[in-house]
Amino acid sequence: MTETAFGFQIEATDGKARTGVLRTPKGDIRTPAFMPVGTAATVKAMMPESVAATGADILLGNTYHLMLRPGAERVASLGGLHKFMNWNKPILTDSGGFQVMSLASLRKLTEDGVRFKSHIDGSEFHLTPERSMEIQRLLGSNIVMCFDECPALPADRQRIAESMRLSMRWAARSRAAFGDRPGYALFGIQQGGLEEDLRAESAAALSDIGFEGYAIGGLAVGEGQEAMFGVLDYAPGQLPADKPRYLMGVGKPDDIVGAVLRGVDMFDCVLPSRSGRTGQALTRTGAINIKNARHADDPNPLDEECTCPACSNYSRAYLHHVFKSGEIISSMLLTWHNLHYYQELMAGLRAAIARGQLREFVNRFYLLREK
């Protein structure tokens, strides 16, 4: 793989769904892809090699959290994020915009950027498109996200339109600040809430600027699945067909299946790891709450067909016991299981699209969950 190699190749389609490969100098990403979230340079309760063993091709790191602690300059001085967290595959970093809006206190939004106080210690920061690009360069992530603003829904149309147009101006500044970096990619982020014409305006602005990939932002922020799917019925088609499409912050297994049907290629969500830490196992037949007393004497695995360590080596009774006892191995095993399930789902989707049998796969997916 040469230093300059970065590209996206669609290998098969089935309806709107696509399967392909996103090539980076750090390795290939098979799409549709699910990116486990490593917010603070770690996927909680998992070793990096364990995450790789689940089938993950890429991780997501968080610009906001890493800039606050331990600091982007420190990570760079220690060899970059890949070396720092012992992950030698691709990394995507988000821009920090969403976390500034949702976590930071006393924030002030201007045309230039956002001034805010850290939710950790109250120290003041100023995040702009230029600084976001600098932080992500210092981290050394392979896929960089534009700095944008993401208003929570519901919001009135004027607020959504103003926010989207500000994000488009910030996208142009992000592109200019990103510069010429062979082998690295910058993704633009479509905004526009639930408004089809605003989404079209945003997509046109991003296409005019030109990016290596495009994200659909501003969803999974409280609008519900029906409304999200309503946007996804048209939003992916507004973006360039020859570039990867990334739905940010999504989601539940049925969210992902529905989005793949509508032409989305990349996903990230904290759900599998967070659910694992709170005692929820995600399986082909639906979610299992290991806290429930009925599992206390059950010698069976979480899922008879799953090959993850939790299912291969431990009973529901044991998993119930270690969760109720507050043992760390509970978070480790349930998170590993959930991430394994997600990667198995993505592999199944990729194979079904390649065979031209996606509809049959999706029908079976829903049928199993109804049992």
Protein backbone atom coordinates (compact mmCIF):
# COMPACT_ATOMS: atom_id res chain seq x y z
CA MET A 1 0.00 0.00 0.00
CA THR A 2 1.56 3.28 -1.10
CA GLU A 3 1.57 6.44 0.97
CA THR A 4 -0.93 8.14 -1.34
CA ALA A 5 -3.44 5.28 -1.50
CA PHE A 6 -6.94 6.28 -0.49
CA GLY A 7 -10.05 5.41 -2.41
CA PHE A 8 -13.47 3.81 -2.44
CA GLN A 9 -14.51 0.97 -4.70
CA ILE A 10 -18.10 -0.29 -4.92
CA GLU A 11 -17.99 -4.01 -5.66
CA ALA A 12 -21.72 -4.87 -5.78
CA THR A 13 -25.12 -3.28 -5.35
CA ASP A 14 -28.56 -4.62 -4.46
CA GLY A 15 -31.24 -1.98 -4.82
CA LYS A 16 -29.84 1.13 -3.12
CA ALA A 17 -27.50 -0.94 -0.93
CA ARG A 18 -23.79 -1.15 -1.79
CA THR A 19 -20.86 -3.26 -0.66
CA GLY A 20 -17.27 -2.34 -1.36
CA VAL A 21 -13.89 -1.42 0.05
CA LEU A 22 -12.56 1.84 1.41
CA ARG A 23 -8.79 1.71 0.94
CA THR A 24 -6.42 3.53 3.30
CA PRO A 25 -2.67 3.33 3.95
CA LYS A 26 -3.52 1.71 7.31
CA GLY A 27 -5.60 -1.05 5.71
CA ASP A 28 -8.86 -1.73 3.92
CA ILE A 29 -12.30 -1.08 5.38
CA ARG A 30 -15.01 -3.42 4.14
CA THR A 31 -18.36 -1.70 3.66
CA PRO A 32 -21.00 -1.57 4.96
CA ALA A 33 -18.80 -1.03 8.01
CA PHE A 34 -19.50 -0.60 11.71
CA MET A 35 -16.92 1.43 13.65
CA PRO A 36 -16.67 0.68 17.38
CA VAL A 37 -16.38 3.87 19.40
CA GLY A 38 -13.07 4.42 21.20
CA THR A 39 -13.96 7.82 22.66
CA ALA A 40 -10.89 8.38 24.85
CA ALA A 41 -8.43 6.23 22.85
CA THR A 42 -9.97 2.98 24.09
CA VAL A 43 -13.06 0.90 23.44
CA LYS A 44 -14.27 0.53 27.01
CA ALA A 45 -13.66 -2.93 28.56
CA MET A 46 -11.80 -4.16 25.44
CA MET A 47 -8.16 -4.69 24.49
CA PRO A 48 -7.35 -3.39 20.98
CA GLU A 49 -6.51 -6.91 19.77
CA SER A 50 -9.88 -8.09 21.10
CA VAL A 51 -11.65 -5.38 19.09
CA ALA A 52 -9.74 -6.49 15.99
CA ALA A 53 -10.71 -10.12 16.69
CA THR A 54 -14.41 -9.18 16.44
CA GLY A 55 -13.81 -8.21 12.81
CA ALA A 56 -13.57 -4.43 13.14
CA ASP A 57 -11.59 -2.75 10.34
CA ILE A 58 -11.68 0.77 11.82
CA LEU A 59 -12.27 2.57 15.12
CA LEU A 60 -13.70 5.98 15.94
CA GLY A 61 -11.87 8.39 18.24
CA ASN A 62 -13.31 11.58 19.68
CA THR A 63 -11.68 14.94 19.05
CA TYR A 64 -13.46 16.75 21.90
CA HIS A 65 -12.51 14.24 24.59
CA LEU A 66 -8.93 13.76 23.37
CA MET A 67 -8.27 17.51 23.08
CA LEU A 68 -9.36 17.92 26.72
CA ARG A 69 -7.49 14.86 27.99
CA PRO A 70 -4.67 13.99 27.41
CA GLY A 71 -4.36 16.75 24.75
CA ALA A 72 -3.67 16.47 21.02
CA GLU A 73 -0.14 17.85 21.29
CA ARG A 74 0.71 15.24 23.91
CA VAL A 75 -0.66 12.41 21.76
CA ALA A 76 1.39 13.71 18.80
CA SER A 77 4.56 13.85 20.92
CA LEU A 78 3.98 10.22 21.89
CA GLY A 79 3.79 9.04 18.29
CA GLY A 80 0.18 9.70 17.31
CA LEU A 81 -3.10 8.05 18.22
CA HIS A 82 -2.41 4.70 16.50
CA LYS A 83 0.77 4.12 18.51
CA PHE A 84 -0.67 5.70 21.68
CA MET A 85 -3.64 3.28 21.81
CA ASN A 86 -1.90 0.33 20.10
CA TRP A 87 -4.29 0.18 17.12
CA ASN A 88 -2.60 -0.30 13.75
CA LYS A 89 -5.74 -0.19 11.60
CA PRO A 90 -7.59 2.91 10.34
CA ILE A 91 -9.02 5.48 12.75
CA LEU A 92 -11.76 8.03 12.07
CA THR A 93 -12.02 11.05 14.35
CA ASP A 94 -15.15 13.14 14.66
CA SER A 95 -14.72 16.90 14.68
CA GLY A 96 -15.77 17.61 18.27
CA GLY A 97 -18.72 19.75 17.24
CA PHE A 98 -21.44 17.44 18.52
CA GLN A 99 -19.81 17.00 21.94
CA VAL A 100 -19.24 20.75 22.32
CA MET A 101 -22.97 21.28 21.78
CA SER A 102 -24.07 18.43 24.05
CA LEU A 103 -21.45 18.29 26.84
CA ALA A 104 -19.62 21.59 27.21
CA SER A 105 -20.90 24.24 29.59
CA LEU A 106 -21.17 27.98 29.02
CA ARG A 107 -20.55 27.70 25.29
CA LYS A 108 -20.69 30.70 22.98
CA LEU A 109 -21.26 30.11 19.27
CA THR A 110 -20.02 32.67 16.73
CA GLU A 111 -19.16 32.68 13.03
CA ASP A 112 -15.56 31.99 13.97
CA GLY A 113 -16.24 28.90 16.10
CA VAL A 114 -17.23 27.92 19.62
CA ARG A 115 -15.84 29.07 22.95
CA PHE A 116 -16.65 26.69 25.78
CA LYS A 117 -15.64 25.43 29.18
CA SER A 118 -14.47 21.85 29.68
CA HIS A 119 -16.99 19.55 31.36
CA ILE A 120 -14.00 18.01 33.19
CA ASP A 121 -12.39 20.97 34.97
CA GLY A 122 -14.00 24.14 33.64
CA SER A 123 -10.94 25.28 31.66
CA GLU A 124 -11.69 27.40 28.60
CA PHE A 125 -11.22 26.31 24.98
CA HIS A 126 -11.83 27.84 21.57
CA LEU A 127 -12.67 25.33 18.84
CA THR A 128 -12.79 26.49 15.22
CA PRO A 129 -12.73 24.60 11.91
CA GLU A 130 -9.01 25.35 11.68
CA ARG A 131 -8.25 24.15 15.21
CA SER A 132 -10.37 21.01 14.72
CA MET A 133 -8.33 20.18 11.60
CA GLU A 134 -5.09 20.83 13.52
CA ILE A 135 -6.15 18.57 16.41
CA GLN A 136 -7.14 15.75 14.08
CA ARG A 137 -3.84 16.10 12.21
CA LEU A 138 -1.93 15.91 15.49
CA LEU A 139 -3.89 12.78 16.43
CA GLY A 140 -2.98 11.28 13.05
CA SER A 141 -6.44 9.90 12.21
CA ASN A 142 -6.91 8.50 8.71
CA ILE A 143 -10.41 9.89 8.19
CA VAL A 144 -11.03 13.42 9.45
CA MET A 145 -14.48 14.97 9.88
CA CYS A 146 -15.35 18.59 9.11
CA PHE A 147 -16.17 20.84 12.03
CA ASP A 148 -19.91 21.44 12.10
CA GLU A 149 -22.80 22.45 14.30
CA CYS A 150 -25.55 19.94 15.02
CA PRO A 151 -28.72 21.41 16.54
CA ALA A 152 -30.86 19.06 18.63
CA LEU A 153 -34.23 18.12 17.17
CA PRO A 154 -36.94 19.24 17.25
CA ALA A 155 -35.91 22.71 16.14
CA ASP A 156 -37.70 25.25 13.97
CA ARG A 157 -36.90 25.47 10.27
CA GLN A 158 -35.13 28.84 10.53
CA ARG A 159 -32.81 27.57 13.24
CA ILE A 160 -32.01 24.42 11.21
CA ALA A 161 -31.38 26.47 8.04
CA GLU A 162 -29.09 28.95 9.79
CA SER A 163 -27.17 26.13 11.48
CA MET A 164 -26.79 24.20 8.22
CA ARG A 165 -25.47 27.24 6.33
CA LEU A 166 -23.01 27.99 9.13
CA SER A 167 -21.85 24.35 8.94
CA MET A 168 -21.36 24.70 5.17
CA ARG A 169 -19.19 27.78 5.68
CA TRP A 170 -17.25 25.85 8.29
CA ALA A 171 -16.95 22.93 5.85
CA ALA A 172 -15.22 25.20 3.32
CA ARG A 173 -12.85 26.44 6.04
CA SER A 174 -12.21 22.84 7.16
CA ARG A 175 -11.32 21.85 3.58
CA ALA A 176 -8.91 24.79 3.24
CA ALA A 177 -7.30 24.09 6.63
CA PHE A 178 -7.01 20.35 5.95
CA GLY A 179 -4.73 21.13 3.01
CA ASP A 180 -3.01 18.57 0.80
CA ARG A 181 -2.52 15.36 2.81
CA PRO A 182 -1.99 12.34 0.53
CA GLY A 183 -3.29 9.15 2.09
CA TYR A 184 -5.67 10.96 4.45
CA ALA A 185 -9.35 11.73 3.88
CA LEU A 186 -11.65 14.57 4.87
CA PHE A 187 -15.40 13.91 5.03
CA GLY A 188 -18.02 16.62 4.69
CA ILE A 189 -21.16 16.46 6.86
CA GLN A 190 -24.63 17.02 5.42
CA GLN A 191 -27.04 18.87 7.70
CA GLY A 192 -30.60 20.15 7.29
CA GLY A 193 -32.67 18.39 9.92
CA LEU A 194 -35.74 16.68 8.50
CA GLU A 195 -36.11 19.19 5.63
CA GLU A 196 -35.49 17.66 2.21
CA ASP A 197 -34.76 20.98 0.47
CA LEU A 198 -32.27 22.04 3.16
CA ARG A 199 -30.56 18.64 2.92
CA ALA A 200 -30.34 19.12 -0.87
CA GLU A 201 -28.85 22.59 -0.40
CA SER A 202 -26.30 21.18 2.05
CA ALA A 203 -25.38 18.28 -0.26
CA ALA A 204 -24.87 20.67 -3.18
CA ALA A 205 -22.63 22.93 -1.10
CA LEU A 206 -20.52 19.98 0.06
CA SER A 207 -20.25 18.54 -3.46
CA ASP A 208 -19.06 21.91 -4.74
CA ILE A 209 -16.30 21.97 -2.10
CA GLY A 210 -15.36 18.33 -2.76
CA PHE A 211 -14.57 15.68 -0.16
CA GLU A 212 -13.23 12.13 -0.03
CA GLY A 213 -16.44 11.00 1.68
CA TYR A 214 -19.73 12.38 2.96
CA ALA A 215 -21.54 11.98 6.26
CA ILE A 216 -25.23 12.34 6.98
CA GLY A 217 -25.30 14.32 10.21
CA GLY A 218 -28.03 15.67 12.43
CA LEU A 219 -29.91 12.39 12.84
CA ALA A 220 -30.24 10.05 15.83
CA VAL A 221 -30.69 13.18 17.94
CA GLY A 222 -34.20 12.48 19.18
CA GLU A 223 -36.29 12.39 16.01
CA GLY A 224 -37.21 8.69 16.13
CA GLN A 225 -36.61 5.88 13.64
CA GLU A 226 -39.55 6.64 11.34
CA ALA A 227 -38.43 10.24 10.83
CA MET A 228 -34.81 9.15 10.40
CA PHE A 229 -35.75 6.60 7.74
CA GLY A 230 -37.85 9.29 6.06
CA VAL A 231 -34.70 11.39 5.64
CA LEU A 232 -32.64 8.39 4.58
CA ASP A 233 -35.14 7.64 1.81
CA TYR A 234 -33.64 10.63 -0.06
CA ALA A 235 -30.50 11.93 1.70
CA PRO A 236 -27.95 9.31 0.53
CA GLY A 237 -29.06 9.87 -3.07
CA GLN A 238 -28.33 13.59 -2.73
CA LEU A 239 -24.65 12.80 -2.10
CA PRO A 240 -22.05 11.72 -4.70
CA ALA A 241 -22.64 8.06 -5.58
CA ASP A 242 -18.94 7.24 -5.99
CA LYS A 243 -17.96 8.27 -2.44
CA PRO A 244 -18.57 6.55 0.91
CA ARG A 245 -21.63 7.65 2.90
CA TYR A 246 -21.44 7.66 6.68
CA LEU A 247 -24.46 7.90 9.00
CA MET A 248 -23.12 9.40 12.21
CA GLY A 249 -24.07 8.01 15.60
CA VAL A 250 -26.29 5.15 14.34
CA GLY A 251 -27.25 2.91 15.86
CA LYS A 252 -29.43 -0.01 16.90
CA PRO A 253 -29.20 -3.15 14.72
CA ASP A 254 -32.51 -2.45 12.97
CA ASP A 255 -31.43 1.18 12.38
CA ILE A 256 -28.32 -0.10 10.61
CA VAL A 257 -30.20 -2.66 8.49
CA GLY A 258 -32.71 0.00 7.41
CA ALA A 259 -29.95 2.47 6.58
CA VAL A 260 -27.98 -0.08 4.54
CA LEU A 261 -31.14 -0.75 2.52
CA ARG A 262 -31.21 2.99 1.82
CA GLY A 263 -27.60 3.24 0.60
CA VAL A 264 -25.46 4.01 3.67
CA ASP A 265 -21.93 2.55 3.92
CA MET A 266 -20.53 3.42 7.38
CA PHE A 267 -21.85 3.56 10.95
CA ASP A 268 -20.71 4.18 14.51
CA CYS A 269 -22.49 3.93 17.84
CA VAL A 270 -21.70 3.49 21.53
CA LEU A 271 -24.68 1.13 21.90
CA PRO A 272 -22.89 -2.27 21.76
CA SER A 273 -20.22 -1.31 24.28
CA ARG A 274 -22.51 0.71 26.56
CA SER A 275 -25.14 -2.05 26.53
CA GLY A 276 -22.49 -4.60 27.43
CA ARG A 277 -21.48 -2.62 30.51
CA THR A 278 -25.11 -2.35 31.64
CA GLY A 279 -25.89 -6.05 31.29
CA GLN A 280 -27.61 -6.12 27.91
CA ALA A 281 -26.56 -8.67 25.29
CA LEU A 282 -27.63 -8.09 21.70
CA THR A 283 -28.39 -11.28 19.80
CA ARG A 284 -29.97 -12.48 16.56
CA THR A 285 -33.27 -12.97 18.40
CA GLY A 286 -33.19 -9.62 20.17
CA ALA A 287 -31.78 -8.16 23.38
CA ILE A 288 -31.17 -10.25 26.51
CA ASN A 289 -31.08 -8.56 29.92
CA ILE A 290 -28.61 -10.69 31.84
CA LYS A 291 -29.69 -9.04 35.11
CA ASN A 292 -32.98 -10.94 35.04
CA ALA A 293 -33.27 -13.65 37.69
CA ARG A 294 -34.41 -16.25 35.14
CA HIS A 295 -30.82 -16.48 33.86
CA ALA A 296 -29.40 -17.43 37.30
CA ASP A 297 -29.70 -21.20 36.69
CA ASP A 298 -29.46 -21.24 32.89
CA PRO A 299 -26.54 -23.40 31.66
CA ASN A 300 -26.97 -22.28 28.01
CA PRO A 301 -24.91 -19.63 26.20
CA LEU A 302 -26.31 -16.24 25.24
CA ASP A 303 -26.63 -17.44 21.65
CA GLU A 304 -26.11 -21.06 20.55
CA GLU A 305 -24.77 -19.98 17.13
CA CYS A 306 -22.41 -17.22 18.32
CA THR A 307 -18.66 -18.00 18.35
CA CYS A 308 -17.53 -15.13 20.59
CA PRO A 309 -15.67 -15.99 23.86
CA ALA A 310 -18.71 -15.21 26.00
CA CYS A 311 -20.89 -17.69 24.10
CA SER A 312 -18.18 -20.28 23.50
CA ASN A 313 -16.97 -20.54 27.11
CA TYR A 314 -19.57 -19.22 29.54
CA SER A 315 -23.19 -19.85 30.50
CA ARG A 316 -25.95 -17.33 31.00
CA ALA A 317 -25.83 -18.33 34.68
CA TYR A 318 -22.16 -17.32 34.94
CA LEU A 319 -22.72 -14.04 33.08
CA HIS A 320 -25.67 -13.29 35.38
CA HIS A 321 -23.49 -14.03 38.44
CA VAL A 322 -20.53 -11.85 37.44
CA PHE A 323 -22.80 -8.96 36.44
CA LYS A 324 -24.70 -9.09 39.75
CA SER A 325 -21.35 -9.33 41.58
CA GLY A 326 -20.00 -6.24 39.81
CA GLU A 327 -17.07 -8.16 38.34
CA ILE A 328 -15.06 -6.50 35.55
CA ILE A 329 -15.19 -9.66 33.43
CA SER A 330 -18.93 -9.04 32.98
CA SER A 331 -18.29 -5.82 31.01
CA MET A 332 -15.46 -7.49 29.08
CA LEU A 333 -17.45 -10.53 27.97
CA LEU A 334 -20.73 -8.77 27.22
CA THR A 335 -19.00 -5.98 25.28
CA TRP A 336 -16.99 -8.52 23.28
CA HIS A 337 -20.20 -10.42 22.51
CA ASN A 338 -22.05 -7.28 21.40
CA LEU A 339 -19.22 -6.06 19.17
CA HIS A 340 -18.91 -9.57 17.69
CA TYR A 341 -22.65 -9.54 16.98
CA TYR A 342 -22.42 -6.17 15.22
CA GLN A 343 -19.49 -7.25 13.06
CA GLU A 344 -21.26 -10.51 12.21
CA LEU A 345 -24.32 -8.49 11.17
CA MET A 346 -22.17 -6.28 8.91
CA ALA A 347 -20.48 -9.35 7.35
CA GLY A 348 -23.91 -10.85 6.70
CA LEU A 349 -25.12 -7.65 5.05
CA ARG A 350 -21.99 -7.45 2.86
CA ALA A 351 -22.35 -11.07 1.75
CA ALA A 352 -26.07 -10.71 1.05
CA ILE A 353 -25.52 -7.61 -1.10
CA ALA A 354 -22.73 -9.38 -3.01
CA ARG A 355 -25.08 -12.32 -3.70
CA GLY A 356 -27.99 -10.08 -4.65
CA GLN A 357 -30.01 -11.57 -1.77
CA LEU A 358 -30.29 -8.62 0.60
CA ARG A 359 -34.08 -8.74 0.84
CA GLU A 360 -33.96 -12.39 1.93
CA PHE A 361 -31.32 -11.55 4.55
CA VAL A 362 -33.35 -8.64 5.89
CA ASN A 363 -36.54 -10.72 6.04
CA ARG A 364 -34.70 -13.38 8.06
CA PHE A 365 -33.19 -10.69 10.31
CA TYR A 366 -36.67 -9.45 11.27
CA LEU A 367 -38.14 -12.94 11.48
CA LEU A 368 -35.55 -14.09 14.04
CA ARG A 369 -36.14 -11.00 16.18
CA GLU A 370 -39.89 -11.70 16.31
CA LYS A 371 -39.46 -15.16 17.86
